[in-house]
Amino acid sequence: MLERAFSAAFRNFSTLFLMVALFTVPLHVGYSYVFRDVIEVAELHSSIEEFPDYRQVKGVGPDKLRTARLAYLGLSALELAVLLPLLARATGRVLEVDARGGVPTIPDAVRSVVRRGRGSARTVLGALPSVAAAALLALAIGWLFERAGLQLAEAVPDHAAWTLVGLIQGTARALAVPFLLVAIAPLPTSAKEVPPGTPTQ
């Protein structure tokens, strides 16, 4: 099952990547803009943690650093609790159209999120080994891309680093998440549920 899921992920990777990036890139660029001053002093975070609350570097003190980290955790929780299930349902539509020889599109996949009865979700217990393996692969891909990208971001002037950091973090998720989505997406339903007019190859 995992092999079939990864095969579907590679076959539809451009669609899944762009679909995820449509949400993750604006979210992370927005976060980076709000906390751009925190990102600007990224190299000093370990020192700022030791400061008394009244001491700051370019307007960033321990309190703002904690706020930025809590906000990042909140953003990650939002992605896991809200965005991931919605994207999994949209991925189910991508897999359904692909399984019938059609050409999956992002608008059709996104529209499917608001439709009722679009496939039955895989049970977590039955798919646990596949989901765990897919999650590990996604984490590895996302972590490696983000680490490499943030190393390159160090060459950017500090005042402009927030833009690149947001793009890198949003893109890292868009590269990684498709491999998890194909493991947790609703199972494709019968061919009769593909709306008439769906393009086929």
N, C-alpha and C. Protein backbone atom coordinates (compact mmCIF):
# COMPACT_ATOMS: atom_id res chain seq x y z
N MET A 1 0.83 -1.20 0.00
CA MET A 1 0.00 0.00 0.00
C MET A 1 0.87 1.26 0.00
N LEU A 2 1.97 1.21 0.76
CA LEU A 2 2.86 2.36 0.83
C LEU A 2 3.51 2.63 -0.52
N GLU A 3 3.88 1.54 -1.22
CA GLU A 3 4.50 1.70 -2.54
C GLU A 3 3.53 2.36 -3.50
N ARG A 4 2.26 1.95 -3.46
CA ARG A 4 1.26 2.55 -4.34
C ARG A 4 1.05 4.02 -3.99
N ALA A 5 1.05 4.31 -2.68
CA ALA A 5 0.85 5.69 -2.25
C ALA A 5 1.98 6.58 -2.72
N PHE A 6 3.23 6.13 -2.56
CA PHE A 6 4.36 6.93 -3.00
C PHE A 6 4.39 7.07 -4.51
N SER A 7 3.99 6.02 -5.21
CA SER A 7 3.92 6.09 -6.67
C SER A 7 2.92 7.17 -7.09
N ALA A 8 1.79 7.21 -6.41
CA ALA A 8 0.79 8.24 -6.71
C ALA A 8 1.31 9.63 -6.35
N ALA A 9 2.09 9.73 -5.26
CA ALA A 9 2.66 11.01 -4.86
C ALA A 9 3.62 11.54 -5.91
N PHE A 10 4.50 10.68 -6.42
CA PHE A 10 5.44 11.12 -7.45
C PHE A 10 4.73 11.46 -8.75
N ARG A 11 3.71 10.67 -9.08
CA ARG A 11 2.99 10.88 -10.34
C ARG A 11 2.23 12.22 -10.33
N ASN A 12 1.75 12.61 -9.17
CA ASN A 12 0.95 13.83 -9.06
C ASN A 12 1.67 14.89 -8.22
N PHE A 13 2.99 14.79 -8.17
CA PHE A 13 3.72 15.65 -7.23
C PHE A 13 3.54 17.14 -7.52
N SER A 14 3.59 17.53 -8.79
CA SER A 14 3.46 18.96 -9.10
C SER A 14 2.12 19.51 -8.63
N THR A 15 1.05 18.74 -8.83
CA THR A 15 -0.28 19.18 -8.38
C THR A 15 -0.34 19.27 -6.86
N LEU A 16 0.15 18.23 -6.18
CA LEU A 16 0.10 18.21 -4.72
C LEU A 16 0.99 19.29 -4.12
N PHE A 17 2.18 19.47 -4.70
CA PHE A 17 3.10 20.49 -4.21
C PHE A 17 2.48 21.88 -4.29
N LEU A 18 1.93 22.21 -5.46
CA LEU A 18 1.34 23.54 -5.64
C LEU A 18 0.10 23.72 -4.77
N MET A 19 -0.67 22.65 -4.57
CA MET A 19 -1.85 22.74 -3.73
C MET A 19 -1.48 23.05 -2.29
N VAL A 20 -0.45 22.37 -1.78
CA VAL A 20 -0.01 22.62 -0.40
C VAL A 20 0.63 24.00 -0.29
N ALA A 21 1.48 24.35 -1.28
CA ALA A 21 2.17 25.64 -1.25
C ALA A 21 1.19 26.81 -1.27
N LEU A 22 0.05 26.61 -1.91
CA LEU A 22 -0.98 27.64 -1.98
C LEU A 22 -1.39 28.11 -0.59
N PHE A 23 -1.27 27.22 0.40
CA PHE A 23 -1.64 27.56 1.78
C PHE A 23 -0.41 27.82 2.66
N THR A 24 0.59 26.96 2.56
CA THR A 24 1.70 27.05 3.51
C THR A 24 2.61 28.26 3.25
N VAL A 25 2.86 28.59 1.99
CA VAL A 25 3.76 29.71 1.71
C VAL A 25 3.19 31.04 2.22
N PRO A 26 1.93 31.39 1.93
CA PRO A 26 1.40 32.64 2.49
C PRO A 26 1.37 32.64 4.02
N LEU A 27 1.05 31.49 4.63
CA LEU A 27 1.03 31.43 6.09
C LEU A 27 2.40 31.72 6.69
N HIS A 28 3.42 31.11 6.13
CA HIS A 28 4.75 31.26 6.71
C HIS A 28 5.40 32.61 6.34
N VAL A 29 5.11 33.12 5.17
CA VAL A 29 5.59 34.46 4.83
C VAL A 29 4.90 35.49 5.74
N GLY A 30 3.62 35.29 6.00
CA GLY A 30 2.91 36.18 6.91
C GLY A 30 3.48 36.14 8.32
N TYR A 31 3.77 34.92 8.80
CA TYR A 31 4.38 34.79 10.12
C TYR A 31 5.75 35.48 10.14
N SER A 32 6.55 35.27 9.11
CA SER A 32 7.89 35.87 9.06
C SER A 32 7.82 37.39 9.02
N TYR A 33 6.80 37.92 8.35
CA TYR A 33 6.66 39.38 8.31
C TYR A 33 6.33 39.92 9.70
N VAL A 34 5.40 39.27 10.38
CA VAL A 34 5.01 39.73 11.72
C VAL A 34 6.20 39.71 12.67
N PHE A 35 7.03 38.68 12.56
CA PHE A 35 8.18 38.53 13.46
C PHE A 35 9.50 38.76 12.72
N ARG A 36 9.49 39.68 11.77
CA ARG A 36 10.69 39.93 10.98
C ARG A 36 11.85 40.45 11.84
N ASP A 37 11.54 41.20 12.90
CA ASP A 37 12.62 41.68 13.75
C ASP A 37 13.27 40.54 14.54
N VAL A 38 12.47 39.53 14.89
CA VAL A 38 13.02 38.36 15.57
C VAL A 38 13.93 37.57 14.63
N ILE A 39 13.50 37.43 13.38
CA ILE A 39 14.31 36.72 12.38
C ILE A 39 15.59 37.50 12.08
N GLU A 40 15.52 38.81 12.12
CA GLU A 40 16.68 39.63 11.82
C GLU A 40 17.83 39.40 12.80
N VAL A 41 17.50 39.03 14.04
CA VAL A 41 18.54 38.81 15.05
C VAL A 41 18.67 37.32 15.37
N ALA A 42 18.41 36.47 14.39
CA ALA A 42 18.39 35.02 14.62
C ALA A 42 19.70 34.50 15.22
N GLU A 43 20.81 35.08 14.81
CA GLU A 43 22.10 34.61 15.31
C GLU A 43 22.31 34.92 16.79
N LEU A 44 21.50 35.81 17.34
CA LEU A 44 21.66 36.23 18.74
C LEU A 44 20.61 35.62 19.67
N HIS A 45 19.78 34.73 19.16
CA HIS A 45 18.70 34.18 19.97
C HIS A 45 19.19 33.54 21.26
N SER A 46 20.26 32.78 21.19
CA SER A 46 20.75 32.11 22.40
C SER A 46 21.20 33.12 23.44
N SER A 47 21.76 34.23 23.00
CA SER A 47 22.17 35.28 23.94
C SER A 47 20.97 36.03 24.49
N ILE A 48 20.01 36.33 23.63
CA ILE A 48 18.82 37.08 24.06
C ILE A 48 18.04 36.30 25.12
N GLU A 49 18.04 34.98 25.02
CA GLU A 49 17.34 34.16 26.01
C GLU A 49 17.84 34.41 27.43
N GLU A 50 19.10 34.79 27.54
CA GLU A 50 19.70 35.02 28.86
C GLU A 50 19.52 36.45 29.36
N PHE A 51 18.98 37.32 28.52
CA PHE A 51 18.81 38.71 28.91
C PHE A 51 17.71 38.85 29.98
N PRO A 52 17.78 39.88 30.82
CA PRO A 52 16.62 40.27 31.63
C PRO A 52 15.53 40.81 30.70
N ASP A 53 14.28 40.77 31.14
CA ASP A 53 13.17 41.13 30.26
C ASP A 53 13.26 42.55 29.71
N TYR A 54 13.91 43.47 30.42
CA TYR A 54 13.96 44.86 29.98
C TYR A 54 15.03 45.11 28.91
N ARG A 55 15.95 44.17 28.72
CA ARG A 55 17.03 44.38 27.75
C ARG A 55 16.62 43.82 26.39
N GLN A 56 16.95 44.57 25.33
CA GLN A 56 16.55 44.18 23.99
C GLN A 56 17.68 44.42 22.98
N VAL A 57 17.60 43.71 21.88
CA VAL A 57 18.47 43.95 20.74
C VAL A 57 17.59 44.24 19.53
N LYS A 58 17.64 45.45 19.02
CA LYS A 58 16.80 45.87 17.89
C LYS A 58 15.32 45.61 18.18
N GLY A 59 14.94 45.89 19.41
CA GLY A 59 13.55 45.74 19.80
C GLY A 59 13.12 44.33 20.18
N VAL A 60 14.06 43.40 20.20
CA VAL A 60 13.75 42.00 20.51
C VAL A 60 14.37 41.63 21.85
N GLY A 61 13.51 41.27 22.80
CA GLY A 61 13.95 40.79 24.09
C GLY A 61 13.47 39.38 24.33
N PRO A 62 13.73 38.84 25.51
CA PRO A 62 13.30 37.46 25.80
C PRO A 62 11.79 37.27 25.65
N ASP A 63 11.01 38.29 26.02
CA ASP A 63 9.56 38.15 25.95
C ASP A 63 9.08 38.03 24.51
N LYS A 64 9.62 38.85 23.63
CA LYS A 64 9.21 38.78 22.22
C LYS A 64 9.69 37.50 21.58
N LEU A 65 10.85 37.03 22.00
CA LEU A 65 11.37 35.77 21.47
C LEU A 65 10.45 34.61 21.85
N ARG A 66 9.99 34.62 23.11
CA ARG A 66 9.03 33.58 23.54
C ARG A 66 7.72 33.68 22.78
N THR A 67 7.25 34.91 22.55
CA THR A 67 6.01 35.11 21.81
C THR A 67 6.12 34.56 20.39
N ALA A 68 7.27 34.83 19.74
CA ALA A 68 7.48 34.34 18.37
C ALA A 68 7.48 32.82 18.34
N ARG A 69 8.10 32.20 19.32
CA ARG A 69 8.16 30.74 19.35
C ARG A 69 6.79 30.13 19.62
N LEU A 70 6.03 30.74 20.51
CA LEU A 70 4.68 30.26 20.78
C LEU A 70 3.79 30.42 19.55
N ALA A 71 3.95 31.54 18.86
CA ALA A 71 3.17 31.76 17.64
C ALA A 71 3.52 30.73 16.58
N TYR A 72 4.79 30.36 16.48
CA TYR A 72 5.21 29.35 15.52
C TYR A 72 4.62 27.99 15.86
N LEU A 73 4.61 27.67 17.15
CA LEU A 73 3.98 26.41 17.58
C LEU A 73 2.48 26.43 17.27
N GLY A 74 1.85 27.59 17.46
CA GLY A 74 0.43 27.71 17.14
C GLY A 74 0.17 27.54 15.66
N LEU A 75 1.04 28.12 14.83
CA LEU A 75 0.91 27.96 13.38
C LEU A 75 1.08 26.50 12.98
N SER A 76 2.04 25.83 13.58
CA SER A 76 2.27 24.40 13.29
C SER A 76 1.06 23.57 13.71
N ALA A 77 0.47 23.90 14.88
CA ALA A 77 -0.71 23.19 15.35
C ALA A 77 -1.89 23.40 14.41
N LEU A 78 -2.02 24.64 13.90
CA LEU A 78 -3.09 24.94 12.94
C LEU A 78 -2.92 24.12 11.68
N GLU A 79 -1.70 24.00 11.20
CA GLU A 79 -1.43 23.21 9.99
C GLU A 79 -1.77 21.75 10.20
N LEU A 80 -1.44 21.22 11.37
CA LEU A 80 -1.68 19.80 11.64
C LEU A 80 -3.16 19.51 11.90
N ALA A 81 -3.81 20.37 12.67
CA ALA A 81 -5.18 20.10 13.11
C ALA A 81 -6.23 20.50 12.09
N VAL A 82 -5.96 21.52 11.31
CA VAL A 82 -6.98 22.05 10.38
C VAL A 82 -6.56 21.84 8.92
N LEU A 83 -5.38 22.33 8.58
CA LEU A 83 -4.97 22.31 7.18
C LEU A 83 -4.71 20.90 6.67
N LEU A 84 -4.04 20.07 7.47
CA LEU A 84 -3.70 18.71 7.02
C LEU A 84 -4.94 17.88 6.69
N PRO A 85 -5.98 17.85 7.55
CA PRO A 85 -7.18 17.08 7.20
C PRO A 85 -7.87 17.59 5.94
N LEU A 86 -7.91 18.92 5.76
CA LEU A 86 -8.55 19.47 4.57
C LEU A 86 -7.76 19.12 3.31
N LEU A 87 -6.45 19.22 3.40
CA LEU A 87 -5.63 18.87 2.25
C LEU A 87 -5.67 17.37 1.95
N ALA A 88 -5.83 16.56 3.00
CA ALA A 88 -5.96 15.12 2.80
C ALA A 88 -7.22 14.81 1.99
N ARG A 89 -8.28 15.52 2.29
CA ARG A 89 -9.53 15.30 1.54
C ARG A 89 -9.37 15.74 0.08
N ALA A 90 -8.70 16.88 -0.11
CA ALA A 90 -8.44 17.34 -1.47
C ALA A 90 -7.53 16.35 -2.21
N THR A 91 -6.57 15.78 -1.50
CA THR A 91 -5.68 14.78 -2.10
C THR A 91 -6.45 13.54 -2.51
N GLY A 92 -7.46 13.18 -1.72
CA GLY A 92 -8.31 12.06 -2.09
C GLY A 92 -8.94 12.25 -3.45
N ARG A 93 -9.33 13.48 -3.75
CA ARG A 93 -9.91 13.78 -5.06
C ARG A 93 -8.85 13.66 -6.16
N VAL A 94 -7.63 14.14 -5.88
CA VAL A 94 -6.54 14.03 -6.84
C VAL A 94 -6.28 12.56 -7.17
N LEU A 95 -6.22 11.73 -6.14
CA LEU A 95 -5.96 10.30 -6.34
C LEU A 95 -7.11 9.63 -7.08
N GLU A 96 -8.32 10.08 -6.80
CA GLU A 96 -9.50 9.49 -7.46
C GLU A 96 -9.48 9.76 -8.95
N VAL A 97 -9.23 11.02 -9.32
CA VAL A 97 -9.19 11.37 -10.74
C VAL A 97 -8.01 10.68 -11.43
N ASP A 98 -6.87 10.63 -10.74
CA ASP A 98 -5.69 9.99 -11.32
C ASP A 98 -5.92 8.50 -11.55
N ALA A 99 -6.61 7.84 -10.61
CA ALA A 99 -6.85 6.40 -10.72
C ALA A 99 -7.73 6.06 -11.91
N ARG A 100 -8.50 7.03 -12.38
CA ARG A 100 -9.39 6.80 -13.51
C ARG A 100 -8.83 7.36 -14.81
N GLY A 101 -7.53 7.70 -14.79
CA GLY A 101 -6.90 8.18 -16.01
C GLY A 101 -7.16 9.63 -16.31
N GLY A 102 -7.73 10.36 -15.36
CA GLY A 102 -8.00 11.78 -15.58
C GLY A 102 -6.79 12.64 -15.27
N VAL A 103 -6.97 13.94 -15.43
CA VAL A 103 -5.92 14.91 -15.14
C VAL A 103 -6.34 15.71 -13.92
N PRO A 104 -5.78 15.43 -12.74
CA PRO A 104 -6.18 16.16 -11.53
C PRO A 104 -5.81 17.64 -11.63
N THR A 105 -6.67 18.49 -11.13
CA THR A 105 -6.40 19.92 -11.10
C THR A 105 -6.59 20.45 -9.69
N ILE A 106 -5.89 21.52 -9.38
CA ILE A 106 -5.98 22.11 -8.04
C ILE A 106 -7.37 22.67 -7.76
N PRO A 107 -7.99 23.43 -8.67
CA PRO A 107 -9.34 23.94 -8.38
C PRO A 107 -10.34 22.83 -8.08
N ASP A 108 -10.28 21.75 -8.86
CA ASP A 108 -11.20 20.64 -8.62
C ASP A 108 -10.93 19.98 -7.27
N ALA A 109 -9.66 19.82 -6.92
CA ALA A 109 -9.30 19.21 -5.65
C ALA A 109 -9.76 20.07 -4.48
N VAL A 110 -9.56 21.39 -4.59
CA VAL A 110 -9.96 22.29 -3.51
C VAL A 110 -11.47 22.33 -3.38
N ARG A 111 -12.19 22.33 -4.50
CA ARG A 111 -13.66 22.33 -4.45
C ARG A 111 -14.18 21.08 -3.77
N SER A 112 -13.47 19.97 -3.92
CA SER A 112 -13.94 18.71 -3.35
C SER A 112 -13.98 18.74 -1.83
N VAL A 113 -13.23 19.67 -1.21
CA VAL A 113 -13.20 19.76 0.24
C VAL A 113 -14.57 20.09 0.80
N VAL A 114 -15.36 20.88 0.06
CA VAL A 114 -16.67 21.29 0.57
C VAL A 114 -17.78 20.33 0.14
N ARG A 115 -17.44 19.31 -0.67
CA ARG A 115 -18.45 18.34 -1.08
C ARG A 115 -18.61 17.29 0.00
N ARG A 116 -19.77 16.76 0.13
CA ARG A 116 -20.04 15.68 1.09
C ARG A 116 -19.93 14.33 0.40
N GLY A 117 -19.52 13.35 1.15
CA GLY A 117 -19.51 11.99 0.65
C GLY A 117 -18.44 11.69 -0.36
N ARG A 118 -17.30 12.42 -0.28
CA ARG A 118 -16.24 12.19 -1.24
C ARG A 118 -15.25 11.15 -0.69
N GLY A 119 -15.66 9.90 -0.73
CA GLY A 119 -14.75 8.83 -0.31
C GLY A 119 -14.79 8.59 1.19
N SER A 120 -14.30 7.45 1.62
CA SER A 120 -14.23 7.13 3.04
C SER A 120 -12.78 7.19 3.49
N ALA A 121 -12.55 7.82 4.64
CA ALA A 121 -11.19 8.00 5.12
C ALA A 121 -10.59 6.66 5.54
N ARG A 122 -9.31 6.52 5.35
CA ARG A 122 -8.64 5.31 5.80
C ARG A 122 -8.60 5.29 7.32
N THR A 123 -8.80 4.15 7.89
CA THR A 123 -8.74 4.05 9.34
C THR A 123 -7.29 4.21 9.78
N VAL A 124 -7.11 4.99 10.84
CA VAL A 124 -5.76 5.26 11.32
C VAL A 124 -5.06 3.98 11.75
N LEU A 125 -5.79 3.11 12.44
CA LEU A 125 -5.18 1.89 12.95
C LEU A 125 -4.71 0.98 11.81
N GLY A 126 -5.56 0.80 10.81
CA GLY A 126 -5.21 -0.09 9.71
C GLY A 126 -4.07 0.43 8.86
N ALA A 127 -3.97 1.76 8.75
CA ALA A 127 -2.93 2.34 7.90
C ALA A 127 -1.75 2.87 8.71
N LEU A 128 -1.70 2.55 10.00
CA LEU A 128 -0.69 3.13 10.87
C LEU A 128 0.75 2.92 10.38
N PRO A 129 1.14 1.70 9.97
CA PRO A 129 2.52 1.53 9.49
C PRO A 129 2.83 2.42 8.27
N SER A 130 1.89 2.50 7.34
CA SER A 130 2.10 3.33 6.15
C SER A 130 2.17 4.80 6.51
N VAL A 131 1.27 5.23 7.39
CA VAL A 131 1.24 6.63 7.81
C VAL A 131 2.53 6.99 8.54
N ALA A 132 3.00 6.10 9.42
CA ALA A 132 4.23 6.35 10.17
C ALA A 132 5.43 6.47 9.23
N ALA A 133 5.52 5.56 8.25
CA ALA A 133 6.63 5.61 7.30
C ALA A 133 6.55 6.87 6.46
N ALA A 134 5.36 7.23 6.02
CA ALA A 134 5.19 8.44 5.21
C ALA A 134 5.52 9.68 6.03
N ALA A 135 5.13 9.69 7.30
CA ALA A 135 5.43 10.83 8.17
C ALA A 135 6.93 11.00 8.37
N LEU A 136 7.64 9.89 8.54
CA LEU A 136 9.09 9.96 8.70
C LEU A 136 9.76 10.49 7.44
N LEU A 137 9.30 10.01 6.28
CA LEU A 137 9.86 10.50 5.02
C LEU A 137 9.57 11.99 4.86
N ALA A 138 8.35 12.40 5.16
CA ALA A 138 7.99 13.82 5.03
C ALA A 138 8.83 14.69 5.96
N LEU A 139 9.01 14.23 7.20
CA LEU A 139 9.83 14.98 8.15
C LEU A 139 11.26 15.11 7.65
N ALA A 140 11.80 14.03 7.12
CA ALA A 140 13.19 14.06 6.63
C ALA A 140 13.34 15.03 5.46
N ILE A 141 12.41 14.97 4.51
CA ILE A 141 12.48 15.86 3.35
C ILE A 141 12.34 17.32 3.78
N GLY A 142 11.33 17.58 4.60
CA GLY A 142 11.09 18.95 5.05
C GLY A 142 12.26 19.50 5.85
N TRP A 143 12.80 18.69 6.76
CA TRP A 143 13.90 19.14 7.61
C TRP A 143 15.15 19.42 6.79
N LEU A 144 15.49 18.52 5.87
CA LEU A 144 16.69 18.70 5.06
C LEU A 144 16.59 19.94 4.18
N PHE A 145 15.45 20.13 3.54
CA PHE A 145 15.28 21.31 2.68
C PHE A 145 15.33 22.59 3.51
N GLU A 146 14.66 22.58 4.65
CA GLU A 146 14.63 23.79 5.49
C GLU A 146 16.01 24.12 6.03
N ARG A 147 16.74 23.10 6.50
CA ARG A 147 18.09 23.35 7.02
C ARG A 147 19.00 23.91 5.93
N ALA A 148 18.96 23.31 4.76
CA ALA A 148 19.79 23.77 3.66
C ALA A 148 19.40 25.19 3.24
N GLY A 149 18.11 25.43 3.17
CA GLY A 149 17.64 26.75 2.77
C GLY A 149 18.00 27.83 3.76
N LEU A 150 17.89 27.53 5.05
CA LEU A 150 18.21 28.53 6.08
C LEU A 150 19.70 28.83 6.11
N GLN A 151 20.51 27.85 5.73
CA GLN A 151 21.95 28.12 5.61
C GLN A 151 22.20 29.15 4.52
N LEU A 152 21.48 29.01 3.40
CA LEU A 152 21.63 29.98 2.31
C LEU A 152 21.09 31.35 2.72
N ALA A 153 20.05 31.35 3.55
CA ALA A 153 19.44 32.62 3.98
C ALA A 153 20.40 33.47 4.80
N GLU A 154 21.40 32.85 5.37
CA GLU A 154 22.37 33.60 6.17
C GLU A 154 23.17 34.58 5.31
N ALA A 155 23.20 34.34 4.01
CA ALA A 155 23.93 35.25 3.11
C ALA A 155 23.12 36.48 2.75
N VAL A 156 21.82 36.47 3.08
CA VAL A 156 20.94 37.59 2.76
C VAL A 156 21.08 38.65 3.85
N PRO A 157 21.02 39.93 3.51
CA PRO A 157 21.05 40.98 4.54
C PRO A 157 19.99 40.75 5.61
N ASP A 158 20.35 41.02 6.86
CA ASP A 158 19.46 40.69 7.98
C ASP A 158 18.07 41.31 7.84
N HIS A 159 18.00 42.53 7.32
CA HIS A 159 16.70 43.21 7.25
C HIS A 159 15.77 42.57 6.22
N ALA A 160 16.33 41.79 5.28
CA ALA A 160 15.52 41.14 4.24
C ALA A 160 15.38 39.64 4.45
N ALA A 161 15.97 39.13 5.52
CA ALA A 161 15.99 37.67 5.73
C ALA A 161 14.60 37.08 5.93
N TRP A 162 13.68 37.87 6.50
CA TRP A 162 12.36 37.33 6.81
C TRP A 162 11.64 36.81 5.57
N THR A 163 11.83 37.49 4.43
CA THR A 163 11.15 37.06 3.20
C THR A 163 11.62 35.68 2.78
N LEU A 164 12.92 35.48 2.76
CA LEU A 164 13.47 34.20 2.34
C LEU A 164 13.16 33.10 3.34
N VAL A 165 13.20 33.43 4.63
CA VAL A 165 12.89 32.43 5.67
C VAL A 165 11.45 31.94 5.53
N GLY A 166 10.52 32.87 5.32
CA GLY A 166 9.12 32.47 5.14
C GLY A 166 8.92 31.60 3.92
N LEU A 167 9.57 31.97 2.81
CA LEU A 167 9.46 31.18 1.58
C LEU A 167 10.05 29.78 1.77
N ILE A 168 11.19 29.71 2.44
CA ILE A 168 11.85 28.42 2.66
C ILE A 168 10.98 27.52 3.52
N GLN A 169 10.46 28.04 4.62
CA GLN A 169 9.67 27.21 5.53
C GLN A 169 8.36 26.77 4.88
N GLY A 170 7.71 27.67 4.15
CA GLY A 170 6.48 27.29 3.46
C GLY A 170 6.73 26.28 2.36
N THR A 171 7.84 26.46 1.62
CA THR A 171 8.18 25.54 0.54
C THR A 171 8.59 24.18 1.09
N ALA A 172 9.31 24.17 2.22
CA ALA A 172 9.72 22.90 2.82
C ALA A 172 8.51 22.03 3.14
N ARG A 173 7.46 22.64 3.65
CA ARG A 173 6.25 21.88 3.94
C ARG A 173 5.55 21.42 2.67
N ALA A 174 5.56 22.27 1.66
CA ALA A 174 4.92 21.90 0.39
C ALA A 174 5.66 20.75 -0.29
N LEU A 175 6.96 20.67 -0.09
CA LEU A 175 7.73 19.55 -0.66
C LEU A 175 7.51 18.26 0.11
N ALA A 176 7.33 18.37 1.42
CA ALA A 176 7.28 17.18 2.28
C ALA A 176 5.88 16.60 2.44
N VAL A 177 4.91 17.47 2.63
CA VAL A 177 3.56 17.02 3.03
C VAL A 177 2.88 16.11 2.02
N PRO A 178 3.09 16.28 0.69
CA PRO A 178 2.41 15.36 -0.25
C PRO A 178 2.64 13.89 0.05
N PHE A 179 3.81 13.52 0.56
CA PHE A 179 4.09 12.11 0.84
C PHE A 179 3.28 11.61 2.03
N LEU A 180 2.94 12.51 2.95
CA LEU A 180 2.06 12.14 4.05
C LEU A 180 0.60 12.15 3.61
N LEU A 181 0.25 13.11 2.77
CA LEU A 181 -1.14 13.23 2.33
C LEU A 181 -1.63 11.99 1.60
N VAL A 182 -0.78 11.42 0.74
CA VAL A 182 -1.22 10.24 -0.02
C VAL A 182 -1.43 9.04 0.90
N ALA A 183 -0.82 9.06 2.09
CA ALA A 183 -1.00 7.95 3.02
C ALA A 183 -2.25 8.09 3.87
N ILE A 184 -2.73 9.32 4.06
CA ILE A 184 -3.90 9.53 4.92
C ILE A 184 -5.12 9.99 4.15
N ALA A 185 -4.98 10.18 2.84
CA ALA A 185 -6.11 10.66 2.04
C ALA A 185 -7.24 9.65 2.01
N PRO A 186 -8.48 10.13 1.83
CA PRO A 186 -9.61 9.21 1.65
C PRO A 186 -9.36 8.28 0.48
N LEU A 187 -9.81 7.04 0.60
CA LEU A 187 -9.65 6.08 -0.48
C LEU A 187 -10.50 6.50 -1.68
N PRO A 188 -9.98 6.33 -2.89
CA PRO A 188 -10.77 6.65 -4.09
C PRO A 188 -12.07 5.87 -4.10
N THR A 189 -13.13 6.54 -4.56
CA THR A 189 -14.43 5.90 -4.63
C THR A 189 -14.67 5.36 -6.03
N SER A 190 -15.89 4.91 -6.29
CA SER A 190 -16.18 4.27 -7.57
C SER A 190 -16.11 5.26 -8.71
N ALA A 191 -15.92 4.75 -9.90
CA ALA A 191 -15.75 5.60 -11.08
C ALA A 191 -16.98 6.46 -11.34
N LYS A 192 -18.15 6.00 -10.94
CA LYS A 192 -19.35 6.76 -11.25
C LYS A 192 -19.40 8.08 -10.51
N GLU A 193 -18.55 8.27 -9.49
CA GLU A 193 -18.58 9.51 -8.73
C GLU A 193 -17.70 10.58 -9.35
N VAL A 194 -16.94 10.26 -10.39
CA VAL A 194 -16.17 11.29 -11.07
C VAL A 194 -17.13 12.07 -11.94
N PRO A 195 -17.27 13.38 -11.74
CA PRO A 195 -18.25 14.16 -12.48
C PRO A 195 -18.00 14.08 -13.98
N PRO A 196 -19.06 14.09 -14.76
CA PRO A 196 -18.93 14.08 -16.21
C PRO A 196 -18.09 15.27 -16.66
N GLY A 197 -17.31 15.06 -17.69
CA GLY A 197 -16.51 16.16 -18.20
C GLY A 197 -15.11 16.21 -17.65
N THR A 198 -14.79 15.33 -16.65
CA THR A 198 -13.43 15.28 -16.12
C THR A 198 -12.49 14.87 -17.24
N PRO A 199 -11.45 15.69 -17.54
CA PRO A 199 -10.55 15.34 -18.66
C PRO A 199 -9.83 14.04 -18.40
N THR A 200 -9.68 13.24 -19.41
CA THR A 200 -8.95 11.97 -19.30
C THR A 200 -7.83 11.95 -20.31
N GLN A 201 -6.85 11.11 -20.02
CA GLN A 201 -5.72 10.99 -20.91
C GLN A 201 -6.02 9.98 -22.00
